[in-house]
């Protein structure tokens, strides 16, 4: 696949320090223990935690998937993205080549912000690969966007991220250039995704592996918490690819 070539001749470019307030830590492929996963789930489930007191609060009683039938106008980017289609955006792949999202017209898209050092990494990458291999010939495309904003858990270069995904998890779905999903440098595609859903999940991506599901017409139809596994949303994917 053009967006995700797995090359054995990988180089390691210097980190990009072009944006202020970016801190990179040494890249390590070791993953947190199971207790870390439990801590993340507890953190995401608790609206009283200090983490949520900094603007990440969830409403009580939220389900794992949130319908986007009612669009909320919120955040500094909402007005800029209103009326746009997901196919209007161009992103950069892991090799920093431009990819127009219009190439995915007619496909079901699962868009995920990924990280290599998160307690959710192993389960999500493994299940994403399972889902992709099962439904790719039926019209599913998974678009993975590395992000280092949550616990600095994606600190590596693009080449390191690509090598990690290709060798450890045999990922065949497209992986793109590292992006911000919150804050002043939020990637336009994530401005659009968040303004298209909103509702109970609000205008902030909560953690690594939050998921957005897009139907064949380009409409964002569902948004899932980071702790919702890919296999838990397989039934939603199956309905959309069959539609």
Foldseek 3Di string as FASTA:
>chain_A
DVLFDQDPPFDFDDDDCPDPPDDFDDDDQDADDLVQVVVVVVVLQDQPDPLVVVPQGFDPPDDFKAFLPDFDQDDPLLVVQPPDFLQVDWFAGLVGDIDRPVVLAQAKEKEFAAFRHHSCHPQQLQVVQVLCVVCVVLRYAYEYAYECPAVNRHRGRSRVVSNCSCPVRVDPGTYGYHAHLDDPRHDPSSSNQQSSHADRRHNGQRHGTWIWIAANRRRGTITGHNPCHPVNCSVVNVVRSVD
